[in-house]
Amino acid sequence: MTSDPPALQGVEEAPSGTQENLTARTASGLSWSYLSTAVLLAANLIYTATISRLLEPAAFGLLAMANLVILFTQYFARMGIASAVVQKPELSKEDIRAASTAGLVIGLGCMAVVWTLAWPLAALFRNPDLPPILRALSVSFVFMGWSMTGLGLLRRELRFKALSLIAVGAYVSGYVVIGVGLALLGAGVWSLVAASVSSTAIQAVSQYAVLRHPMRPPLRWQPYRAVVSYGARLQGAALMDYVGGNLDTFTVTRLASTAVVGQYSRAYYLVFQPLGNYLTQALTNVLFSALSRIQQDLARLRRAYLTVMMLAAVAVFPMSAGMAVAATQLTLVVLGPQWDLVVGLVPWFALAAACHVVSQMSQLMAEARAELNRSMAVQASYLLVLGILLIVAVRFRTHGVWVIAAAVAVSELARYVGYLALARRVLGLSLAEIAGAHVPAAFASAGVALAVGATAYMLADSAPALVVLGAEIAAGAAALGVCIRCCPTPAVRTELWSRLGAAGLIGTAGGVRERVLRLVLGTPHVPVGVHR
């Protein structure tokens, strides 16, 4: 008998065989998402380490200014269409055609708006070099709007293997090949622009090649309203998330030079790209599809939420603690010695990114339950806290740009608490249940931070930065394993056994993988027959 992970049990009201099939497909989707995330992290590390040495900080500062506009407009270009396609209980061909048409029209509209407002926006940022960059980047909106329907359909069908391969191929082709290639040829900031646009275009074309959905525009308003209404409300919360995620960068652009903006944006990117982007996508892309199917079964959704929250926290918070302690070596190895300002920003961004990623689990649950108004209320409160803290930070700007990063970290922590309160209200959770889900993460974070700090103390002055960073990573990984093994809350070990078994990652009974897992996780307290 296969033992289903609690987070995926009963994902839909269907016969047992259908539920088991969906469980297996969801577990497979998570496996592919994690695999693609690992590959993307490696590719991103290669790209970041290379491009940061080929271009000056001012080039990244210029792109950071342009991205404030581009990333803001992306929320309108996407309009939540992919999520609406996934979440809609019954999806007709007419709905698909409406989603495809709406995506293209909205993408073209967004490109036209940015193209028209390029010069006024450049005046706002006091930088005359911005207009051509903004206009070139706006071309990606057309591909983005077009790709939303295919993205939603592939997620709805749990075809995460295809999505993972497309994501990796688009990133490597766009950023590593085209971006780095142009930088080597001396294209400067235009290598960053070409990497972004080409990656989006490759992903859109590839998705349509895999799943050719109908695109003929329907002539009735109803299918458009059905698709766009949910997406518009969803993007309202996402738009607030964007404003909060970029208000600090906008503040820095008004106070500091382009080079300092580049340093600040690189620090943010160094932490949030692997944690806030790749890791979040690997979790949310798969789990949103599964949680949407059990949205009406509150008991199952409650169990699923607690499981996902506990496992996400025990993975993310120790990782961010290790990054914070290893900030010096991480910056030297990945970016280089010219990025000295980044070192003091990484610890604050590590805390912010951890809270941001794990709070996404609560936000995901709210979206699956269509509790969008409550989610927007949490986001509005977060924006208010961030605005107040940034005003205070500006008054102390003479102490350094780190005060802005500190304001971001504290406001992300406040949002995290707000989403926990939302989950408690929607799912009827007790404070003890919420606290219990965080005990393994707190225990492991302390252990990882101590292990990484001790390693840095012993080796920092006697070995190259790359060797020290490698030793810190090894010490942190070993400490994480020991902390999970010795954690006073055994539920995390039970859940890990169940998850790994459902994904088929335990191997045969008595095999090497099982023996290693028994060493790390102890003897399982639930059946894991899936691997036998």
Protein backbone atom coordinates (compact mmCIF):
# COMPACT_ATOMS: atom_id res chain seq x y z
CA MET A 1 0.00 0.00 0.00
CA THR A 2 1.16 3.52 -0.79
CA SER A 3 1.13 5.93 2.13
CA ASP A 4 -0.02 9.32 0.87
CA PRO A 5 1.61 12.43 2.31
CA PRO A 6 -0.96 14.26 4.47
CA ALA A 7 -0.66 17.37 2.30
CA LEU A 8 -1.87 15.48 -0.73
CA GLN A 9 -4.36 13.01 0.68
CA GLY A 10 -7.76 13.31 -0.90
CA VAL A 11 -6.83 16.06 -3.32
CA GLU A 12 -10.18 15.61 -5.01
CA GLU A 13 -13.43 13.79 -4.42
CA ALA A 14 -12.75 10.79 -6.59
CA PRO A 15 -12.26 7.04 -6.37
CA SER A 16 -9.20 5.82 -4.50
CA GLY A 17 -7.31 4.98 -7.69
CA THR A 18 -7.77 8.50 -9.02
CA GLN A 19 -6.58 10.00 -5.74
CA GLU A 20 -3.48 7.80 -5.73
CA ASN A 21 -2.77 8.74 -9.35
CA LEU A 22 -3.08 12.43 -8.56
CA THR A 23 -0.86 12.00 -5.51
CA ALA A 24 1.80 10.33 -7.63
CA ARG A 25 1.55 13.00 -10.32
CA THR A 26 1.80 15.79 -7.74
CA ALA A 27 4.80 14.12 -6.08
CA SER A 28 6.39 13.73 -9.51
CA GLY A 29 5.68 17.40 -10.21
CA LEU A 30 7.40 18.42 -6.98
CA SER A 31 10.38 16.23 -7.86
CA TRP A 32 10.73 17.83 -11.29
CA SER A 33 10.26 21.31 -9.82
CA TYR A 34 12.99 20.69 -7.24
CA LEU A 35 15.28 19.24 -9.91
CA SER A 36 14.76 22.18 -12.26
CA THR A 37 15.25 24.57 -9.33
CA ALA A 38 18.61 22.95 -8.55
CA VAL A 39 19.68 23.25 -12.19
CA LEU A 40 18.44 26.85 -12.39
CA LEU A 41 20.31 27.71 -9.20
CA ALA A 42 23.51 26.30 -10.67
CA ALA A 43 22.95 28.13 -13.98
CA ASN A 44 22.09 31.32 -12.10
CA LEU A 45 25.26 31.02 -10.03
CA ILE A 46 27.36 30.66 -13.17
CA TYR A 47 25.58 33.57 -14.85
CA THR A 48 25.76 35.84 -11.80
CA ALA A 49 29.42 35.11 -11.11
CA THR A 50 30.32 35.72 -14.77
CA ILE A 51 28.18 38.74 -15.58
CA SER A 52 29.09 40.51 -12.31
CA ARG A 53 32.74 40.38 -13.33
CA LEU A 54 32.12 41.49 -16.94
CA LEU A 55 29.96 44.54 -16.21
CA GLU A 56 30.32 47.54 -13.94
CA PRO A 57 27.92 48.15 -11.00
CA ALA A 58 26.45 51.13 -12.87
CA ALA A 59 25.05 48.78 -15.56
CA PHE A 60 23.16 46.82 -12.92
CA GLY A 61 21.98 50.06 -11.35
CA LEU A 62 20.56 51.17 -14.70
CA LEU A 63 18.78 47.85 -15.16
CA ALA A 64 17.47 48.02 -11.58
CA MET A 65 15.83 51.37 -12.38
CA ALA A 66 14.30 49.98 -15.57
CA ASN A 67 13.07 46.88 -13.73
CA LEU A 68 11.11 49.02 -11.30
CA VAL A 69 8.90 49.90 -14.27
CA ILE A 70 9.06 46.56 -16.08
CA LEU A 71 8.32 44.37 -13.07
CA PHE A 72 5.44 46.66 -12.07
CA THR A 73 3.91 46.42 -15.54
CA GLN A 74 4.39 42.65 -15.61
CA TYR A 75 1.64 42.24 -13.04
CA PHE A 76 -0.80 43.79 -15.50
CA ALA A 77 0.60 41.79 -18.41
CA ARG A 78 0.06 38.54 -16.52
CA MET A 79 -3.30 39.58 -15.04
CA GLY A 80 -3.42 36.32 -13.08
CA ILE A 81 -4.56 34.49 -16.21
CA ALA A 82 -2.42 31.39 -15.59
CA SER A 83 -3.72 31.03 -12.03
CA ALA A 84 -7.30 31.59 -13.19
CA VAL A 85 -6.93 28.75 -15.71
CA VAL A 86 -5.65 26.47 -12.94
CA GLN A 87 -8.16 27.46 -10.25
CA LYS A 88 -11.38 27.44 -12.35
CA PRO A 89 -13.27 24.23 -11.40
CA GLU A 90 -14.61 23.68 -14.92
CA LEU A 91 -12.70 24.99 -17.93
CA SER A 92 -14.22 25.06 -21.42
CA LYS A 93 -12.52 25.60 -24.78
CA GLU A 94 -14.21 28.99 -24.92
CA ASP A 95 -12.58 29.90 -21.59
CA ILE A 96 -9.19 28.90 -23.03
CA ARG A 97 -9.73 31.01 -26.14
CA ALA A 98 -10.79 33.96 -23.99
CA ALA A 99 -7.72 33.61 -21.78
CA SER A 100 -5.44 33.46 -24.81
CA THR A 101 -7.02 36.52 -26.43
CA ALA A 102 -7.01 38.51 -23.19
CA GLY A 103 -3.35 37.69 -22.59
CA LEU A 104 -2.27 38.89 -26.01
CA VAL A 105 -4.34 42.08 -25.90
CA ILE A 106 -3.17 42.97 -22.39
CA GLY A 107 0.47 42.25 -23.32
CA LEU A 108 0.28 44.53 -26.34
CA GLY A 109 -1.39 47.21 -24.26
CA CYS A 110 1.31 47.07 -21.61
CA MET A 111 4.04 47.37 -24.24
CA ALA A 112 2.30 50.41 -25.75
CA VAL A 113 2.00 52.13 -22.35
CA VAL A 114 5.68 51.67 -21.46
CA TRP A 115 6.76 52.69 -24.96
CA THR A 116 4.71 55.91 -24.70
CA LEU A 117 5.75 56.82 -21.14
CA ALA A 118 9.46 55.98 -21.51
CA TRP A 119 10.69 59.59 -21.46
CA PRO A 120 8.49 60.81 -18.56
CA LEU A 121 9.61 57.76 -16.56
CA ALA A 122 13.24 58.54 -17.34
CA ALA A 123 12.68 62.07 -16.02
CA LEU A 124 11.23 60.60 -12.80
CA PHE A 125 14.42 58.58 -12.26
CA ARG A 126 16.60 61.47 -13.47
CA ASN A 127 18.37 59.24 -15.97
CA PRO A 128 18.27 60.04 -19.72
CA ASP A 129 19.68 56.61 -20.63
CA LEU A 130 16.50 54.77 -19.57
CA PRO A 131 14.02 55.23 -22.52
CA PRO A 132 15.61 52.86 -25.07
CA ILE A 133 16.14 50.24 -22.37
CA LEU A 134 12.53 50.49 -21.20
CA ARG A 135 11.21 50.21 -24.74
CA ALA A 136 13.35 47.19 -25.53
CA LEU A 137 12.34 45.40 -22.34
CA SER A 138 8.64 46.14 -22.98
CA VAL A 139 8.67 43.77 -25.98
CA SER A 140 8.69 40.88 -23.49
CA PHE A 141 5.12 41.79 -22.43
CA VAL A 142 3.72 40.44 -25.70
CA PHE A 143 5.40 37.06 -25.20
CA MET A 144 4.46 37.05 -21.53
CA GLY A 145 0.76 37.73 -22.16
CA TRP A 146 0.67 35.08 -24.88
CA SER A 147 2.33 32.45 -22.67
CA MET A 148 -0.01 32.76 -19.67
CA THR A 149 -2.70 30.44 -21.06
CA GLY A 150 -0.26 27.69 -21.98
CA LEU A 151 1.43 28.02 -18.59
CA GLY A 152 -1.90 27.66 -16.80
CA LEU A 153 -2.95 24.65 -18.89
CA LEU A 154 0.34 22.84 -18.29
CA ARG A 155 0.04 23.46 -14.56
CA ARG A 156 -3.59 22.38 -14.54
CA GLU A 157 -2.61 19.10 -16.19
CA LEU A 158 0.30 18.73 -13.72
CA ARG A 159 2.77 18.55 -16.61
CA PHE A 160 5.64 19.86 -14.53
CA LYS A 161 8.29 17.83 -16.29
CA ALA A 162 7.64 19.79 -19.48
CA LEU A 163 7.48 23.07 -17.58
CA SER A 164 10.75 22.32 -15.80
CA LEU A 165 12.59 21.48 -19.02
CA ILE A 166 11.24 24.61 -20.71
CA ALA A 167 12.24 26.84 -17.77
CA VAL A 168 15.79 25.48 -17.69
CA GLY A 169 16.20 25.67 -21.47
CA ALA A 170 14.88 29.24 -21.65
CA TYR A 171 17.13 30.45 -18.82
CA VAL A 172 20.30 28.81 -20.11
CA SER A 173 19.65 29.97 -23.69
CA GLY A 174 18.62 33.51 -22.77
CA TYR A 175 20.92 34.38 -19.89
CA VAL A 176 23.96 32.09 -20.02
CA VAL A 177 24.33 31.90 -23.80
CA ILE A 178 22.91 35.16 -25.15
CA GLY A 179 23.45 37.39 -22.10
CA VAL A 180 27.00 36.34 -21.29
CA GLY A 181 27.88 36.10 -24.98
CA LEU A 182 26.87 39.70 -25.62
CA ALA A 183 28.64 40.86 -22.45
CA LEU A 184 31.86 39.25 -23.71
CA LEU A 185 31.39 41.18 -26.96
CA GLY A 186 31.17 44.46 -25.02
CA ALA A 187 27.40 45.07 -25.22
CA GLY A 188 27.28 46.39 -21.65
CA VAL A 189 23.83 46.89 -20.19
CA TRP A 190 22.27 45.70 -23.46
CA SER A 191 23.49 42.19 -22.71
CA LEU A 192 21.24 42.25 -19.62
CA VAL A 193 18.31 43.51 -21.71
CA ALA A 194 18.78 40.89 -24.42
CA ALA A 195 19.02 38.10 -21.84
CA SER A 196 15.69 39.07 -20.25
CA VAL A 197 13.72 39.49 -23.49
CA SER A 198 15.12 36.40 -25.22
CA SER A 199 14.48 34.16 -22.21
CA THR A 200 10.82 35.25 -22.05
CA ALA A 201 10.37 34.74 -25.80
CA ILE A 202 11.96 31.28 -25.78
CA GLN A 203 9.77 30.19 -22.88
CA ALA A 204 6.57 31.39 -24.59
CA VAL A 205 7.34 29.70 -27.91
CA SER A 206 8.36 26.46 -26.21
CA GLN A 207 5.18 26.28 -24.11
CA TYR A 208 2.98 26.72 -27.17
CA ALA A 209 4.98 24.08 -29.06
CA VAL A 210 4.33 21.60 -26.24
CA LEU A 211 0.62 22.39 -25.84
CA ARG A 212 -1.07 24.10 -28.81
CA HIS A 213 -4.21 25.53 -27.29
CA PRO A 214 -7.01 27.23 -29.30
CA MET A 215 -6.54 30.98 -29.78
CA ARG A 216 -9.54 32.14 -31.83
CA PRO A 217 -11.22 35.04 -29.92
CA PRO A 218 -14.72 34.25 -28.59
CA LEU A 219 -17.39 36.81 -29.44
CA ARG A 220 -19.17 36.70 -26.05
CA TRP A 221 -18.17 38.71 -22.96
CA GLN A 222 -18.96 35.99 -20.40
CA PRO A 223 -15.84 33.82 -20.89
CA TYR A 224 -13.60 36.89 -20.66
CA ARG A 225 -15.24 37.95 -17.41
CA ALA A 226 -14.96 34.45 -15.94
CA VAL A 227 -11.22 34.30 -16.60
CA VAL A 228 -10.21 37.90 -15.93
CA SER A 229 -12.29 38.60 -12.79
CA TYR A 230 -10.42 36.08 -10.63
CA GLY A 231 -7.09 37.01 -12.20
CA ALA A 232 -7.65 40.72 -11.62
CA ARG A 233 -8.33 40.23 -7.91
CA LEU A 234 -5.36 37.89 -7.61
CA GLN A 235 -3.10 40.44 -9.29
CA GLY A 236 -4.34 43.10 -6.89
CA ALA A 237 -2.61 41.27 -4.04
CA ALA A 238 0.39 40.50 -6.25
CA LEU A 239 0.66 44.16 -7.24
CA MET A 240 0.86 45.15 -3.59
CA ASP A 241 3.56 42.52 -3.20
CA TYR A 242 5.47 44.13 -6.06
CA VAL A 243 5.17 47.63 -4.62
CA GLY A 244 6.45 46.37 -1.28
CA GLY A 245 9.26 44.44 -2.96
CA ASN A 246 10.51 47.46 -4.91
CA LEU A 247 9.66 50.48 -2.76
CA ASP A 248 13.03 50.15 -1.05
CA THR A 249 14.91 50.11 -4.37
CA PHE A 250 13.00 53.20 -5.51
CA THR A 251 13.96 54.89 -2.24
CA VAL A 252 17.63 54.05 -2.80
CA THR A 253 17.50 55.41 -6.37
CA ARG A 254 16.35 58.75 -4.98
CA LEU A 255 19.08 58.91 -2.34
CA ALA A 256 22.21 57.30 -3.79
CA SER A 257 24.36 57.12 -6.91
CA THR A 258 23.78 54.61 -9.71
CA ALA A 259 26.75 52.57 -8.50
CA VAL A 260 25.28 52.27 -4.98
CA VAL A 261 21.92 51.31 -6.49
CA GLY A 262 23.77 48.59 -8.39
CA GLN A 263 25.37 47.30 -5.18
CA TYR A 264 22.02 47.32 -3.40
CA SER A 265 20.23 45.53 -6.26
CA ARG A 266 22.99 42.89 -6.52
CA ALA A 267 22.68 42.13 -2.78
CA TYR A 268 18.92 41.79 -3.13
CA TYR A 269 19.32 39.63 -6.22
CA LEU A 270 21.98 37.44 -4.61
CA VAL A 271 19.57 36.40 -1.85
CA PHE A 272 16.10 36.73 -3.34
CA GLN A 273 16.84 35.10 -6.69
CA PRO A 274 17.54 31.62 -5.27
CA LEU A 275 15.20 31.87 -2.27
CA GLY A 276 12.45 34.29 -3.25
CA ASN A 277 12.15 33.30 -6.91
CA TYR A 278 13.33 29.80 -7.73
CA LEU A 279 12.50 28.09 -4.44
CA THR A 280 9.11 29.80 -4.18
CA GLN A 281 8.20 28.86 -7.75
CA ALA A 282 9.19 25.25 -7.20
CA LEU A 283 6.77 25.07 -4.26
CA THR A 284 3.89 27.24 -5.42
CA ASN A 285 3.62 26.08 -9.03
CA VAL A 286 2.86 22.52 -7.97
CA LEU A 287 1.10 23.07 -4.65
CA PHE A 288 -1.38 25.64 -5.95
CA SER A 289 -2.74 23.07 -8.39
CA ALA A 290 -3.09 20.44 -5.64
CA LEU A 291 -4.53 22.78 -2.98
CA SER A 292 -7.07 24.17 -5.44
CA ARG A 293 -8.50 20.67 -5.81
CA ILE A 294 -9.11 20.28 -2.07
CA GLN A 295 -10.25 23.85 -1.44
CA GLN A 296 -13.71 22.71 -0.28
CA ASP A 297 -12.39 20.03 2.11
CA LEU A 298 -11.34 22.15 5.06
CA ALA A 299 -9.99 19.29 7.18
CA ARG A 300 -7.69 18.07 4.42
CA LEU A 301 -6.67 21.60 3.55
CA ARG A 302 -5.77 22.24 7.19
CA ARG A 303 -3.54 19.17 7.33
CA ALA A 304 -1.98 20.08 4.00
CA TYR A 305 -1.23 23.63 5.12
CA LEU A 306 0.46 22.59 8.37
CA THR A 307 2.57 20.02 6.52
CA VAL A 308 3.65 22.45 3.80
CA MET A 309 4.35 25.21 6.32
CA MET A 310 6.50 22.98 8.51
CA LEU A 311 8.56 21.54 5.64
CA ALA A 312 9.00 24.91 3.92
CA ALA A 313 10.12 26.56 7.16
CA VAL A 314 12.62 23.81 8.02
CA ALA A 315 14.12 24.12 4.54
CA VAL A 316 14.19 27.89 4.11
CA PHE A 317 14.96 29.43 7.51
CA PRO A 318 18.15 27.37 8.12
CA MET A 319 19.30 28.16 4.57
CA SER A 320 18.81 31.88 5.13
CA ALA A 321 20.58 31.68 8.49
CA GLY A 322 23.57 30.07 6.79
CA MET A 323 23.60 32.72 4.05
CA ALA A 324 23.52 35.51 6.64
CA VAL A 325 26.50 34.13 8.57
CA ALA A 326 28.47 33.33 5.38
CA ALA A 327 27.79 36.74 3.80
CA THR A 328 31.47 37.70 3.39
CA GLN A 329 32.58 34.54 1.59
CA LEU A 330 29.35 34.32 -0.40
CA THR A 331 29.85 37.83 -1.77
CA LEU A 332 33.54 37.33 -2.56
CA VAL A 333 32.99 34.04 -4.40
CA VAL A 334 29.80 34.85 -6.31
CA LEU A 335 30.21 38.58 -7.07
CA GLY A 336 33.86 39.43 -6.52
CA PRO A 337 35.86 41.82 -4.33
CA GLN A 338 34.44 45.02 -5.89
CA TRP A 339 31.03 44.39 -4.28
CA ASP A 340 32.07 45.22 -0.70
CA LEU A 341 28.82 47.05 0.14
CA VAL A 342 26.84 43.86 -0.47
CA VAL A 343 28.30 42.07 2.57
CA GLY A 344 26.46 44.24 5.08
CA LEU A 345 23.15 43.89 3.21
CA VAL A 346 23.02 40.10 2.79
CA PRO A 347 22.03 39.24 6.42
CA TRP A 348 19.04 41.59 6.32
CA PHE A 349 17.91 40.31 2.95
CA ALA A 350 18.38 36.71 4.12
CA LEU A 351 15.87 37.27 6.93
CA ALA A 352 13.52 39.11 4.59
CA ALA A 353 13.69 36.40 1.93
CA ALA A 354 13.01 33.59 4.40
CA CYS A 355 9.90 35.33 5.75
CA HIS A 356 8.80 36.15 2.21
CA VAL A 357 9.14 32.56 0.94
CA VAL A 358 7.42 30.85 3.86
CA SER A 359 4.61 33.43 3.98
CA GLN A 360 3.90 32.40 0.38
CA MET A 361 2.53 29.12 1.78
CA SER A 362 -0.18 31.02 3.65
CA GLN A 363 -0.83 33.26 0.66
CA LEU A 364 -1.08 30.18 -1.55
CA MET A 365 -3.69 28.66 0.73
CA ALA A 366 -5.71 31.89 0.67
CA GLU A 367 -5.62 31.99 -3.13
CA ALA A 368 -6.67 28.34 -3.42
CA ARG A 369 -9.64 29.15 -1.16
CA ALA A 370 -10.33 32.36 -3.14
CA GLU A 371 -9.83 34.39 0.09
CA LEU A 372 -8.38 37.19 -2.00
CA ASN A 373 -9.86 40.13 -0.06
CA ARG A 374 -8.24 38.96 3.17
CA SER A 375 -4.95 38.41 1.37
CA MET A 376 -5.10 41.95 0.01
CA ALA A 377 -5.74 43.25 3.52
CA VAL A 378 -2.54 41.58 4.75
CA GLN A 379 -0.64 43.05 1.81
CA ALA A 380 -2.04 46.52 2.48
CA SER A 381 -0.95 46.31 6.13
CA TYR A 382 2.51 45.20 5.00
CA LEU A 383 2.79 48.20 2.67
CA LEU A 384 1.81 50.55 5.48
CA VAL A 385 4.44 49.09 7.82
CA LEU A 386 7.10 49.18 5.10
CA GLY A 387 6.28 52.79 4.21
CA ILE A 388 6.58 53.91 7.83
CA LEU A 389 9.84 52.03 8.35
CA LEU A 390 11.36 53.44 5.16
CA ILE A 391 10.51 56.96 6.26
CA VAL A 392 12.30 56.28 9.54
CA ALA A 393 15.24 54.66 7.71
CA VAL A 394 15.67 57.67 5.42
CA ARG A 395 16.20 59.87 8.47
CA PHE A 396 19.11 57.61 9.48
CA ARG A 397 20.56 57.20 5.98
CA THR A 398 23.89 58.67 7.07
CA HIS A 399 24.55 55.34 8.85
CA GLY A 400 24.57 53.56 5.49
CA VAL A 401 22.21 51.96 2.98
CA TRP A 402 21.84 48.94 5.31
CA VAL A 403 19.13 50.82 7.22
CA ILE A 404 16.90 50.48 4.13
CA ALA A 405 17.56 46.72 4.04
CA ALA A 406 16.75 46.51 7.76
CA ALA A 407 13.40 48.20 7.14
CA VAL A 408 12.67 45.59 4.45
CA ALA A 409 13.51 42.72 6.82
CA VAL A 410 11.30 43.98 9.65
CA SER A 411 8.35 44.64 7.32
CA GLU A 412 8.66 41.15 5.78
CA LEU A 413 8.58 39.70 9.28
CA ALA A 414 5.41 41.69 9.97
CA ARG A 415 3.80 40.36 6.77
CA TYR A 416 4.76 36.83 7.75
CA VAL A 417 2.96 37.21 11.08
CA GLY A 418 -0.03 38.74 9.28
CA TYR A 419 -0.37 35.76 6.93
CA LEU A 420 -0.10 33.35 9.85
CA ALA A 421 -3.01 35.19 11.47
CA LEU A 422 -4.96 34.91 8.21
CA ALA A 423 -4.32 31.15 8.02
CA ARG A 424 -5.34 30.70 11.64
CA ARG A 425 -8.63 32.48 10.98
CA VAL A 426 -9.46 30.74 7.68
CA LEU A 427 -8.49 27.22 8.77
CA GLY A 428 -9.39 27.42 12.46
CA LEU A 429 -5.86 26.63 13.67
CA SER A 430 -4.68 26.98 17.26
CA LEU A 431 -1.62 28.93 18.31
CA ALA A 432 -0.08 25.66 19.52
CA GLU A 433 -0.44 24.11 16.04
CA ILE A 434 1.19 27.13 14.38
CA ALA A 435 4.00 27.24 16.93
CA GLY A 436 4.57 23.49 16.60
CA ALA A 437 5.04 23.85 12.84
CA HIS A 438 7.90 26.30 13.48
CA VAL A 439 9.84 24.44 16.19
CA PRO A 440 11.91 22.31 13.75
CA ALA A 441 12.85 25.42 11.72
CA ALA A 442 13.93 27.40 14.80
CA PHE A 443 15.99 24.48 16.11
CA ALA A 444 17.66 23.84 12.73
CA SER A 445 18.33 27.54 12.03
CA ALA A 446 20.23 27.93 15.30
CA GLY A 447 22.28 24.79 14.59
CA VAL A 448 23.16 25.83 11.03
CA ALA A 449 24.12 29.37 12.06
CA LEU A 450 26.43 28.07 14.80
CA ALA A 451 28.06 25.52 12.49
CA VAL A 452 28.66 28.02 9.68
CA GLY A 453 29.92 30.66 12.10
CA ALA A 454 32.37 28.27 13.75
CA THR A 455 33.69 27.17 10.35
CA ALA A 456 34.19 30.78 9.22
CA TYR A 457 35.97 31.61 12.49
CA MET A 458 38.42 28.73 12.08
CA LEU A 459 39.17 29.11 8.35
CA ALA A 460 38.53 32.72 7.31
CA ASP A 461 42.14 33.90 7.77
CA SER A 462 43.89 30.74 6.61
CA ALA A 463 42.18 29.62 3.38
CA PRO A 464 40.86 31.12 0.11
CA ALA A 465 37.29 32.40 0.09
CA LEU A 466 36.11 29.58 -2.20
CA VAL A 467 37.47 26.93 0.16
CA VAL A 468 35.94 28.65 3.19
CA LEU A 469 32.55 28.94 1.47
CA GLY A 470 32.66 25.26 0.50
CA ALA A 471 33.47 24.30 4.09
CA GLU A 472 30.66 26.53 5.37
CA ILE A 473 28.15 24.91 3.02
CA ALA A 474 29.28 21.42 4.07
CA ALA A 475 29.13 22.33 7.77
CA GLY A 476 25.69 23.90 7.36
CA ALA A 477 24.33 20.87 5.50
CA ALA A 478 25.71 18.49 8.13
CA ALA A 479 24.29 20.62 10.94
CA LEU A 480 20.88 20.68 9.24
CA GLY A 481 20.87 16.87 9.04
CA VAL A 482 21.87 16.53 12.69
CA CYS A 483 19.24 19.04 13.80
CA ILE A 484 16.48 17.26 11.88
CA ARG A 485 17.61 13.94 13.38
CA CYS A 486 17.67 15.35 16.92
CA CYS A 487 14.72 17.75 16.66
CA PRO A 488 12.35 17.44 19.64
CA THR A 489 9.39 17.52 17.21
CA PRO A 490 9.28 14.12 15.44
CA ALA A 491 6.53 15.21 13.03
CA VAL A 492 9.05 16.72 10.64
CA ARG A 493 10.83 13.39 10.26
CA THR A 494 7.54 11.59 9.67
CA GLU A 495 6.53 14.07 7.00
CA LEU A 496 9.90 13.87 5.26
CA TRP A 497 9.68 10.07 5.14
CA SER A 498 6.19 10.32 3.68
CA ARG A 499 7.14 12.93 1.08
CA LEU A 500 10.26 11.13 -0.05
CA GLY A 501 8.39 7.84 -0.25
CA ALA A 502 5.60 9.31 -2.37
CA ALA A 503 8.18 10.80 -4.73
CA GLY A 504 9.94 7.44 -5.06
CA LEU A 505 13.23 8.83 -3.74
CA ILE A 506 13.86 6.33 -0.92
CA GLY A 507 14.94 3.45 -3.11
CA THR A 508 14.79 -0.24 -2.32
CA ALA A 509 14.58 -1.66 1.21
CA GLY A 510 18.08 -1.94 2.65
CA GLY A 511 19.57 0.13 -0.18
CA VAL A 512 22.12 2.89 0.21
CA ARG A 513 19.57 5.71 0.02
CA GLU A 514 17.32 4.13 2.62
CA ARG A 515 20.23 3.51 5.00
CA VAL A 516 21.38 7.13 4.67
CA LEU A 517 17.84 8.38 5.28
CA ARG A 518 17.48 6.18 8.34
CA LEU A 519 20.72 7.65 9.65
CA VAL A 520 19.44 11.21 9.11
CA LEU A 521 15.72 10.79 9.83
CA GLY A 522 15.66 7.78 12.11
CA THR A 523 13.25 4.86 11.79
CA PRO A 524 9.98 5.94 10.11
CA HIS A 525 6.86 5.89 12.28
CA VAL A 526 4.48 5.58 9.32
CA PRO A 527 4.38 3.01 6.52
CA VAL A 528 6.59 3.90 3.59
CA GLY A 529 5.66 0.93 1.46
CA VAL A 530 5.85 3.00 -1.72
CA HIS A 531 9.60 2.45 -1.81
CA ARG A 532 9.56 -1.27 -1.12
